[in-house]
Amino acid sequence: MQSKTMMDDTVRDKIIAQPAVLLDDKDIMRALVAANEKSMGHNIVDLRGIAMQRLEARLDRLEDTHRSVIAAAYENLAGTNQVHRAILRLMDATRFEVFLRDLGGDVADILRVDAMRLVLESLAPEDDPAIKRLGDVLCVAEPGFVEEYINRGRTLATRQVTLRQHRPEAGRIYGDKAAYIQSEACIRLDFGQGRLPGMLVMGAEDPHQFTPQHGTDLLAFFGGVFERAMRRWLS
């Protein structure tokens, strides 16, 4: 007996006219290969089919990698634009009080952080009226505080930027927002020879916003620009 293939003439003519349409459709090609293997029986090993499966799996992995690289590039570009906008906003200030106010306001909003604090080591008391006048964004601490806060008493290699998931135990830096902070970025600041160091702290309610696995190049660049601006204000 002979079996007659039943296919609509319109579909058949369209396939003959445009065979590339089938070749570009992975689901149809997979079904055709499976039908071919089934017609050969279970006792025959189709090496060509196995090779196609492996090539298809490799292609899927390459496509996933390609998508990941593109997504990372867009994310990096967006982060770069954020940092550039924040730096331009800092440069608009003409007085130190305005500089600090913008740091805790517009700059923090641009960088999408929930708290921004500038920590300065100083011998002056924290309740000095001149310091109080500068607002909540400025935190004055005793010499050695920056090193202790970042390293938590451990002897570690000096890094300009430290990212970590962190819940502050007290509100000395973050004040009333301390209870909501879940992660933070700590940027060491060098104000030049003869001056005590400082630290710029960014706090976030999202525990995954700052983690050790994230890159620090953009934050290091922001910190470098910020400390140079601070040197001018301090002089």
C-alpha atoms as a PDB file:
ATOM      1  CA  MET A   1       0.000   0.000   0.000  1.00  0.00           C
ATOM      2  CA  GLN A   2       1.097   3.506  -0.704  1.00  0.00           C
ATOM      3  CA  SER A   3       0.357   6.399   1.646  1.00  0.00           C
ATOM      4  CA  LYS A   4      -0.601   9.684   0.131  1.00  0.00           C
ATOM      5  CA  THR A   5       0.634  12.841   1.848  1.00  0.00           C
ATOM      6  CA  MET A   6      -2.229  15.159   2.602  1.00  0.00           C
ATOM      7  CA  MET A   7      -1.240  18.855   2.374  1.00  0.00           C
ATOM      8  CA  ASP A   8      -3.164  21.904   1.345  1.00  0.00           C
ATOM      9  CA  ASP A   9      -2.024  23.049  -2.119  1.00  0.00           C
ATOM     10  CA  THR A  10      -1.820  26.658  -0.971  1.00  0.00           C
ATOM     11  CA  VAL A  11       0.492  25.777   1.927  1.00  0.00           C
ATOM     12  CA  ARG A  12       2.572  23.502  -0.319  1.00  0.00           C
ATOM     13  CA  ASP A  13       3.012  26.209  -2.947  1.00  0.00           C
ATOM     14  CA  LYS A  14       3.965  28.772  -0.297  1.00  0.00           C
ATOM     15  CA  ILE A  15       6.632  26.452   1.151  1.00  0.00           C
ATOM     16  CA  ILE A  16       8.089  25.743  -2.268  1.00  0.00           C
ATOM     17  CA  ALA A  17       8.126  29.453  -3.090  1.00  0.00           C
ATOM     18  CA  GLN A  18       9.704  30.493   0.258  1.00  0.00           C
ATOM     19  CA  PRO A  19      11.594  27.550   1.810  1.00  0.00           C
ATOM     20  CA  ALA A  20      13.718  29.939   3.911  1.00  0.00           C
ATOM     21  CA  VAL A  21      10.647  30.642   6.052  1.00  0.00           C
ATOM     22  CA  LEU A  22      10.766  27.064   7.334  1.00  0.00           C
ATOM     23  CA  LEU A  23      14.512  27.111   7.859  1.00  0.00           C
ATOM     24  CA  ASP A  24      14.261  30.251  10.021  1.00  0.00           C
ATOM     25  CA  ASP A  25      11.579  28.769  12.276  1.00  0.00           C
ATOM     26  CA  LYS A  26      13.279  26.731  15.014  1.00  0.00           C
ATOM     27  CA  ASP A  27      10.074  25.066  16.231  1.00  0.00           C
ATOM     28  CA  ILE A  28       9.189  23.768  12.743  1.00  0.00           C
ATOM     29  CA  MET A  29      12.748  22.538  12.119  1.00  0.00           C
ATOM     30  CA  ARG A  30      12.779  20.772  15.476  1.00  0.00           C
ATOM     31  CA  ALA A  31       9.498  19.037  14.627  1.00  0.00           C
ATOM     32  CA  LEU A  32      10.823  17.954  11.193  1.00  0.00           C
ATOM     33  CA  VAL A  33      14.018  16.527  12.713  1.00  0.00           C
ATOM     34  CA  ALA A  34      12.000  14.661  15.346  1.00  0.00           C
ATOM     35  CA  ALA A  35       9.708  13.224  12.663  1.00  0.00           C
ATOM     36  CA  ASN A  36      12.722  12.117  10.624  1.00  0.00           C
ATOM     37  CA  GLU A  37      14.265  10.353  13.631  1.00  0.00           C
ATOM     38  CA  LYS A  38      10.963   8.642  14.406  1.00  0.00           C
ATOM     39  CA  SER A  39      10.641   7.363  10.832  1.00  0.00           C
ATOM     40  CA  MET A  40      14.096   5.728  11.019  1.00  0.00           C
ATOM     41  CA  GLY A  41      13.173   3.626  14.044  1.00  0.00           C
ATOM     42  CA  HIS A  42      14.731   3.227  17.496  1.00  0.00           C
ATOM     43  CA  ASN A  43      17.656   1.038  16.423  1.00  0.00           C
ATOM     44  CA  ILE A  44      19.341   3.721  14.317  1.00  0.00           C
ATOM     45  CA  VAL A  45      21.456   6.455  15.866  1.00  0.00           C
ATOM     46  CA  ASP A  46      21.167   9.706  13.932  1.00  0.00           C
ATOM     47  CA  LEU A  47      24.530  11.423  14.470  1.00  0.00           C
ATOM     48  CA  ARG A  48      23.417  14.366  12.402  1.00  0.00           C
ATOM     49  CA  GLY A  49      20.419  14.912  14.676  1.00  0.00           C
ATOM     50  CA  ILE A  50      22.634  14.736  17.781  1.00  0.00           C
ATOM     51  CA  ALA A  51      25.026  17.249  16.254  1.00  0.00           C
ATOM     52  CA  MET A  52      22.139  19.580  15.465  1.00  0.00           C
ATOM     53  CA  GLN A  53      20.880  19.368  19.045  1.00  0.00           C
ATOM     54  CA  ARG A  54      24.301  20.262  20.393  1.00  0.00           C
ATOM     55  CA  LEU A  55      24.665  23.153  17.955  1.00  0.00           C
ATOM     56  CA  GLU A  56      21.225  24.399  18.893  1.00  0.00           C
ATOM     57  CA  ALA A  57      22.066  24.262  22.602  1.00  0.00           C
ATOM     58  CA  ARG A  58      25.317  26.146  21.960  1.00  0.00           C
ATOM     59  CA  LEU A  59      23.445  28.765  19.928  1.00  0.00           C
ATOM     60  CA  ASP A  60      20.955  29.249  22.768  1.00  0.00           C
ATOM     61  CA  ARG A  61      23.821  29.796  25.222  1.00  0.00           C
ATOM     62  CA  LEU A  62      25.459  32.315  22.879  1.00  0.00           C
ATOM     63  CA  GLU A  63      22.181  34.193  22.505  1.00  0.00           C
ATOM     64  CA  ASP A  64      21.745  34.317  26.293  1.00  0.00           C
ATOM     65  CA  THR A  65      25.288  35.629  26.690  1.00  0.00           C
ATOM     66  CA  HIS A  66      24.680  38.202  23.979  1.00  0.00           C
ATOM     67  CA  ARG A  67      21.547  39.450  25.715  1.00  0.00           C
ATOM     68  CA  SER A  68      23.367  39.620  29.054  1.00  0.00           C
ATOM     69  CA  VAL A  69      26.223  41.654  27.573  1.00  0.00           C
ATOM     70  CA  ILE A  70      23.816  44.108  25.950  1.00  0.00           C
ATOM     71  CA  ALA A  71      21.818  44.468  29.179  1.00  0.00           C
ATOM     72  CA  ALA A  72      25.018  45.107  31.161  1.00  0.00           C
ATOM     73  CA  ALA A  73      26.136  47.715  28.629  1.00  0.00           C
ATOM     74  CA  TYR A  74      22.836  49.581  28.871  1.00  0.00           C
ATOM     75  CA  GLU A  75      22.931  49.404  32.670  1.00  0.00           C
ATOM     76  CA  ASN A  76      26.480  50.763  32.720  1.00  0.00           C
ATOM     77  CA  LEU A  77      25.509  53.579  30.363  1.00  0.00           C
ATOM     78  CA  ALA A  78      22.550  54.502  32.558  1.00  0.00           C
ATOM     79  CA  GLY A  79      24.806  54.512  35.637  1.00  0.00           C
ATOM     80  CA  THR A  80      27.346  56.713  33.871  1.00  0.00           C
ATOM     81  CA  ASN A  81      24.645  59.208  32.946  1.00  0.00           C
ATOM     82  CA  GLN A  82      23.424  59.271  36.550  1.00  0.00           C
ATOM     83  CA  VAL A  83      26.888  60.026  37.915  1.00  0.00           C
ATOM     84  CA  HIS A  84      27.491  62.736  35.318  1.00  0.00           C
ATOM     85  CA  ARG A  85      24.186  64.427  36.183  1.00  0.00           C
ATOM     86  CA  ALA A  86      24.981  64.258  39.902  1.00  0.00           C
ATOM     87  CA  ILE A  87      28.408  65.826  39.374  1.00  0.00           C
ATOM     88  CA  LEU A  88      26.966  68.652  37.294  1.00  0.00           C
ATOM     89  CA  ARG A  89      24.425  69.320  40.045  1.00  0.00           C
ATOM     90  CA  LEU A  90      27.200  69.532  42.640  1.00  0.00           C
ATOM     91  CA  MET A  91      29.115  72.022  40.517  1.00  0.00           C
ATOM     92  CA  ASP A  92      26.131  74.399  40.446  1.00  0.00           C
ATOM     93  CA  ALA A  93      26.571  75.362  44.109  1.00  0.00           C
ATOM     94  CA  THR A  94      28.123  78.756  44.841  1.00  0.00           C
ATOM     95  CA  ARG A  95      28.117  78.440  48.659  1.00  0.00           C
ATOM     96  CA  PHE A  96      29.122  75.560  50.919  1.00  0.00           C
ATOM     97  CA  GLU A  97      25.720  75.475  52.613  1.00  0.00           C
ATOM     98  CA  VAL A  98      24.048  75.081  49.227  1.00  0.00           C
ATOM     99  CA  PHE A  99      26.620  72.436  48.264  1.00  0.00           C
ATOM    100  CA  LEU A 100      25.689  70.324  51.292  1.00  0.00           C
ATOM    101  CA  ARG A 101      21.968  70.897  50.835  1.00  0.00           C
ATOM    102  CA  ASP A 102      22.148  69.730  47.215  1.00  0.00           C
ATOM    103  CA  LEU A 103      24.196  66.708  48.287  1.00  0.00           C
ATOM    104  CA  GLY A 104      21.440  65.453  50.549  1.00  0.00           C
ATOM    105  CA  GLY A 105      18.665  66.524  48.178  1.00  0.00           C
ATOM    106  CA  ASP A 106      18.943  66.633  44.395  1.00  0.00           C
ATOM    107  CA  VAL A 107      22.201  64.660  44.193  1.00  0.00           C
ATOM    108  CA  ALA A 108      20.819  61.861  46.365  1.00  0.00           C
ATOM    109  CA  ASP A 109      17.667  61.776  44.230  1.00  0.00           C
ATOM    110  CA  ILE A 110      19.667  61.591  40.991  1.00  0.00           C
ATOM    111  CA  LEU A 111      21.743  58.692  42.334  1.00  0.00           C
ATOM    112  CA  ARG A 112      18.570  57.060  43.695  1.00  0.00           C
ATOM    113  CA  VAL A 113      19.812  56.595  47.226  1.00  0.00           C
ATOM    114  CA  ASP A 114      17.681  57.031  50.333  1.00  0.00           C
ATOM    115  CA  ALA A 115      20.312  58.769  52.453  1.00  0.00           C
ATOM    116  CA  MET A 116      23.508  60.682  51.728  1.00  0.00           C
ATOM    117  CA  ARG A 117      25.917  61.703  54.473  1.00  0.00           C
ATOM    118  CA  LEU A 118      29.276  63.458  54.506  1.00  0.00           C
ATOM    119  CA  VAL A 119      31.457  62.392  57.415  1.00  0.00           C
ATOM    120  CA  LEU A 120      34.329  64.673  58.385  1.00  0.00           C
ATOM    121  CA  GLU A 121      36.893  63.785  61.023  1.00  0.00           C
ATOM    122  CA  SER A 122      37.534  66.789  63.224  1.00  0.00           C
ATOM    123  CA  LEU A 123      38.703  67.818  66.674  1.00  0.00           C
ATOM    124  CA  ALA A 124      35.771  70.206  66.956  1.00  0.00           C
ATOM    125  CA  PRO A 125      32.799  69.042  69.058  1.00  0.00           C
ATOM    126  CA  GLU A 126      29.857  67.633  67.152  1.00  0.00           C
ATOM    127  CA  ASP A 127      27.433  70.113  68.763  1.00  0.00           C
ATOM    128  CA  ASP A 128      29.416  73.123  67.550  1.00  0.00           C
ATOM    129  CA  PRO A 129      26.853  75.765  66.404  1.00  0.00           C
ATOM    130  CA  ALA A 130      28.795  76.349  63.175  1.00  0.00           C
ATOM    131  CA  ILE A 131      28.478  72.638  62.354  1.00  0.00           C
ATOM    132  CA  LYS A 132      24.814  72.454  63.308  1.00  0.00           C
ATOM    133  CA  ARG A 133      24.105  75.308  60.918  1.00  0.00           C
ATOM    134  CA  LEU A 134      25.265  73.168  57.974  1.00  0.00           C
ATOM    135  CA  GLY A 135      22.390  70.706  58.300  1.00  0.00           C
ATOM    136  CA  ASP A 136      21.890  66.984  58.854  1.00  0.00           C
ATOM    137  CA  VAL A 137      23.863  65.865  55.812  1.00  0.00           C
ATOM    138  CA  LEU A 138      27.138  66.668  57.618  1.00  0.00           C
ATOM    139  CA  CYS A 139      28.345  64.329  60.361  1.00  0.00           C
ATOM    140  CA  VAL A 140      31.439  65.241  62.387  1.00  0.00           C
ATOM    141  CA  ALA A 141      33.385  62.448  64.077  1.00  0.00           C
ATOM    142  CA  GLU A 142      36.574  61.983  66.030  1.00  0.00           C
ATOM    143  CA  PRO A 143      39.866  61.153  64.261  1.00  0.00           C
ATOM    144  CA  GLY A 144      40.035  57.498  63.255  1.00  0.00           C
ATOM    145  CA  PHE A 145      36.279  57.090  62.922  1.00  0.00           C
ATOM    146  CA  VAL A 146      36.309  56.560  59.134  1.00  0.00           C
ATOM    147  CA  GLU A 147      38.772  53.670  59.319  1.00  0.00           C
ATOM    148  CA  GLU A 148      36.884  52.085  62.211  1.00  0.00           C
ATOM    149  CA  TYR A 149      33.492  52.431  60.533  1.00  0.00           C
ATOM    150  CA  ILE A 150      34.542  50.954  57.197  1.00  0.00           C
ATOM    151  CA  ASN A 151      36.731  48.113  58.475  1.00  0.00           C
ATOM    152  CA  ARG A 152      34.772  47.444  61.692  1.00  0.00           C
ATOM    153  CA  GLY A 153      37.965  47.117  63.675  1.00  0.00           C
ATOM    154  CA  ARG A 154      39.602  44.648  61.292  1.00  0.00           C
ATOM    155  CA  THR A 155      42.922  45.175  59.544  1.00  0.00           C
ATOM    156  CA  LEU A 156      42.038  45.281  55.859  1.00  0.00           C
ATOM    157  CA  ALA A 157      43.609  46.620  52.715  1.00  0.00           C
ATOM    158  CA  THR A 158      42.670  50.207  52.021  1.00  0.00           C
ATOM    159  CA  ARG A 159      39.976  50.558  49.357  1.00  0.00           C
ATOM    160  CA  GLN A 160      38.451  53.775  48.172  1.00  0.00           C
ATOM    161  CA  VAL A 161      34.955  52.313  47.802  1.00  0.00           C
ATOM    162  CA  THR A 162      33.329  49.704  50.035  1.00  0.00           C
ATOM    163  CA  LEU A 163      29.947  48.229  49.135  1.00  0.00           C
ATOM    164  CA  ARG A 164      28.071  46.105  51.621  1.00  0.00           C
ATOM    165  CA  GLN A 165      24.734  44.964  52.938  1.00  0.00           C
ATOM    166  CA  HIS A 166      24.570  46.698  56.261  1.00  0.00           C
ATOM    167  CA  ARG A 167      22.061  47.601  58.945  1.00  0.00           C
ATOM    168  CA  PRO A 168      23.382  50.425  61.144  1.00  0.00           C
ATOM    169  CA  GLU A 169      23.203  49.672  64.836  1.00  0.00           C
ATOM    170  CA  ALA A 170      22.873  53.343  65.769  1.00  0.00           C
ATOM    171  CA  GLY A 171      21.676  56.544  64.176  1.00  0.00           C
ATOM    172  CA  ARG A 172      24.892  58.527  64.442  1.00  0.00           C
ATOM    173  CA  ILE A 173      25.337  58.799  60.675  1.00  0.00           C
ATOM    174  CA  TYR A 174      21.864  58.222  59.266  1.00  0.00           C
ATOM    175  CA  GLY A 175      19.841  59.712  62.108  1.00  0.00           C
ATOM    176  CA  ASP A 176      16.164  58.802  61.933  1.00  0.00           C
ATOM    177  CA  LYS A 177      16.702  56.871  58.696  1.00  0.00           C
ATOM    178  CA  ALA A 178      19.041  54.344  60.318  1.00  0.00           C
ATOM    179  CA  ALA A 179      16.236  51.851  60.943  1.00  0.00           C
ATOM    180  CA  TYR A 180      15.462  51.646  57.210  1.00  0.00           C
ATOM    181  CA  ILE A 181      18.964  51.384  55.745  1.00  0.00           C
ATOM    182  CA  GLN A 182      19.757  47.895  54.403  1.00  0.00           C
ATOM    183  CA  SER A 183      22.850  48.476  52.251  1.00  0.00           C
ATOM    184  CA  GLU A 184      25.423  51.216  51.817  1.00  0.00           C
ATOM    185  CA  ALA A 185      28.364  52.505  49.822  1.00  0.00           C
ATOM    186  CA  CYS A 186      31.261  54.049  51.753  1.00  0.00           C
ATOM    187  CA  ILE A 187      33.648  56.266  49.771  1.00  0.00           C
ATOM    188  CA  ARG A 188      36.904  57.348  51.430  1.00  0.00           C
ATOM    189  CA  LEU A 189      37.829  60.972  50.859  1.00  0.00           C
ATOM    190  CA  ASP A 190      41.340  62.405  50.837  1.00  0.00           C
ATOM    191  CA  PHE A 191      41.327  66.167  51.396  1.00  0.00           C
ATOM    192  CA  GLY A 192      45.035  66.657  50.937  1.00  0.00           C
ATOM    193  CA  GLN A 193      48.167  66.809  53.029  1.00  0.00           C
ATOM    194  CA  GLY A 194      47.708  68.051  56.578  1.00  0.00           C
ATOM    195  CA  ARG A 195      43.940  67.416  56.658  1.00  0.00           C
ATOM    196  CA  LEU A 196      42.032  64.631  58.337  1.00  0.00           C
ATOM    197  CA  PRO A 197      40.221  62.187  56.002  1.00  0.00           C
ATOM    198  CA  GLY A 198      36.514  62.054  55.372  1.00  0.00           C
ATOM    199  CA  MET A 199      33.890  59.684  54.039  1.00  0.00           C
ATOM    200  CA  LEU A 200      30.868  59.943  51.789  1.00  0.00           C
ATOM    201  CA  VAL A 201      28.170  57.444  52.718  1.00  0.00           C
ATOM    202  CA  MET A 202      25.217  56.446  50.535  1.00  0.00           C
ATOM    203  CA  GLY A 203      22.501  54.423  52.208  1.00  0.00           C
ATOM    204  CA  ALA A 204      19.700  52.487  50.541  1.00  0.00           C
ATOM    205  CA  GLU A 205      16.607  50.726  51.810  1.00  0.00           C
ATOM    206  CA  ASP A 206      17.081  48.051  49.147  1.00  0.00           C
ATOM    207  CA  PRO A 207      19.472  45.397  50.558  1.00  0.00           C
ATOM    208  CA  HIS A 208      20.632  44.544  47.018  1.00  0.00           C
ATOM    209  CA  GLN A 209      21.410  48.075  45.825  1.00  0.00           C
ATOM    210  CA  PHE A 210      24.974  47.936  47.177  1.00  0.00           C
ATOM    211  CA  THR A 211      26.678  44.550  47.423  1.00  0.00           C
ATOM    212  CA  PRO A 212      30.361  43.524  47.210  1.00  0.00           C
ATOM    213  CA  GLN A 213      29.688  41.886  43.830  1.00  0.00           C
ATOM    214  CA  HIS A 214      28.904  45.222  42.150  1.00  0.00           C
ATOM    215  CA  GLY A 215      31.471  47.299  40.293  1.00  0.00           C
ATOM    216  CA  THR A 216      32.857  50.421  41.957  1.00  0.00           C
ATOM    217  CA  ASP A 217      34.430  52.344  39.054  1.00  0.00           C
ATOM    218  CA  LEU A 218      31.637  54.911  38.747  1.00  0.00           C
ATOM    219  CA  LEU A 219      31.448  55.508  42.492  1.00  0.00           C
ATOM    220  CA  ALA A 220      35.230  55.854  42.644  1.00  0.00           C
ATOM    221  CA  PHE A 221      35.040  58.487  39.899  1.00  0.00           C
ATOM    222  CA  PHE A 222      32.257  60.320  41.736  1.00  0.00           C
ATOM    223  CA  GLY A 223      34.292  60.215  44.940  1.00  0.00           C
ATOM    224  CA  GLY A 224      37.357  61.589  43.146  1.00  0.00           C
ATOM    225  CA  VAL A 225      35.394  64.553  41.801  1.00  0.00           C
ATOM    226  CA  PHE A 226      33.701  65.128  45.158  1.00  0.00           C
ATOM    227  CA  GLU A 227      36.914  65.212  47.181  1.00  0.00           C
ATOM    228  CA  ARG A 228      38.470  67.702  44.749  1.00  0.00           C
ATOM    229  CA  ALA A 229      35.416  69.940  45.141  1.00  0.00           C
ATOM    230  CA  MET A 230      35.710  69.615  48.930  1.00  0.00           C
ATOM    231  CA  ARG A 231      39.358  70.665  48.862  1.00  0.00           C
ATOM    232  CA  ARG A 232      38.317  73.964  47.304  1.00  0.00           C
ATOM    233  CA  TRP A 233      35.625  74.532  49.920  1.00  0.00           C
ATOM    234  CA  LEU A 234      37.982  73.648  52.783  1.00  0.00           C
ATOM    235  CA  SER A 235      40.654  76.048  51.548  1.00  0.00           C
END
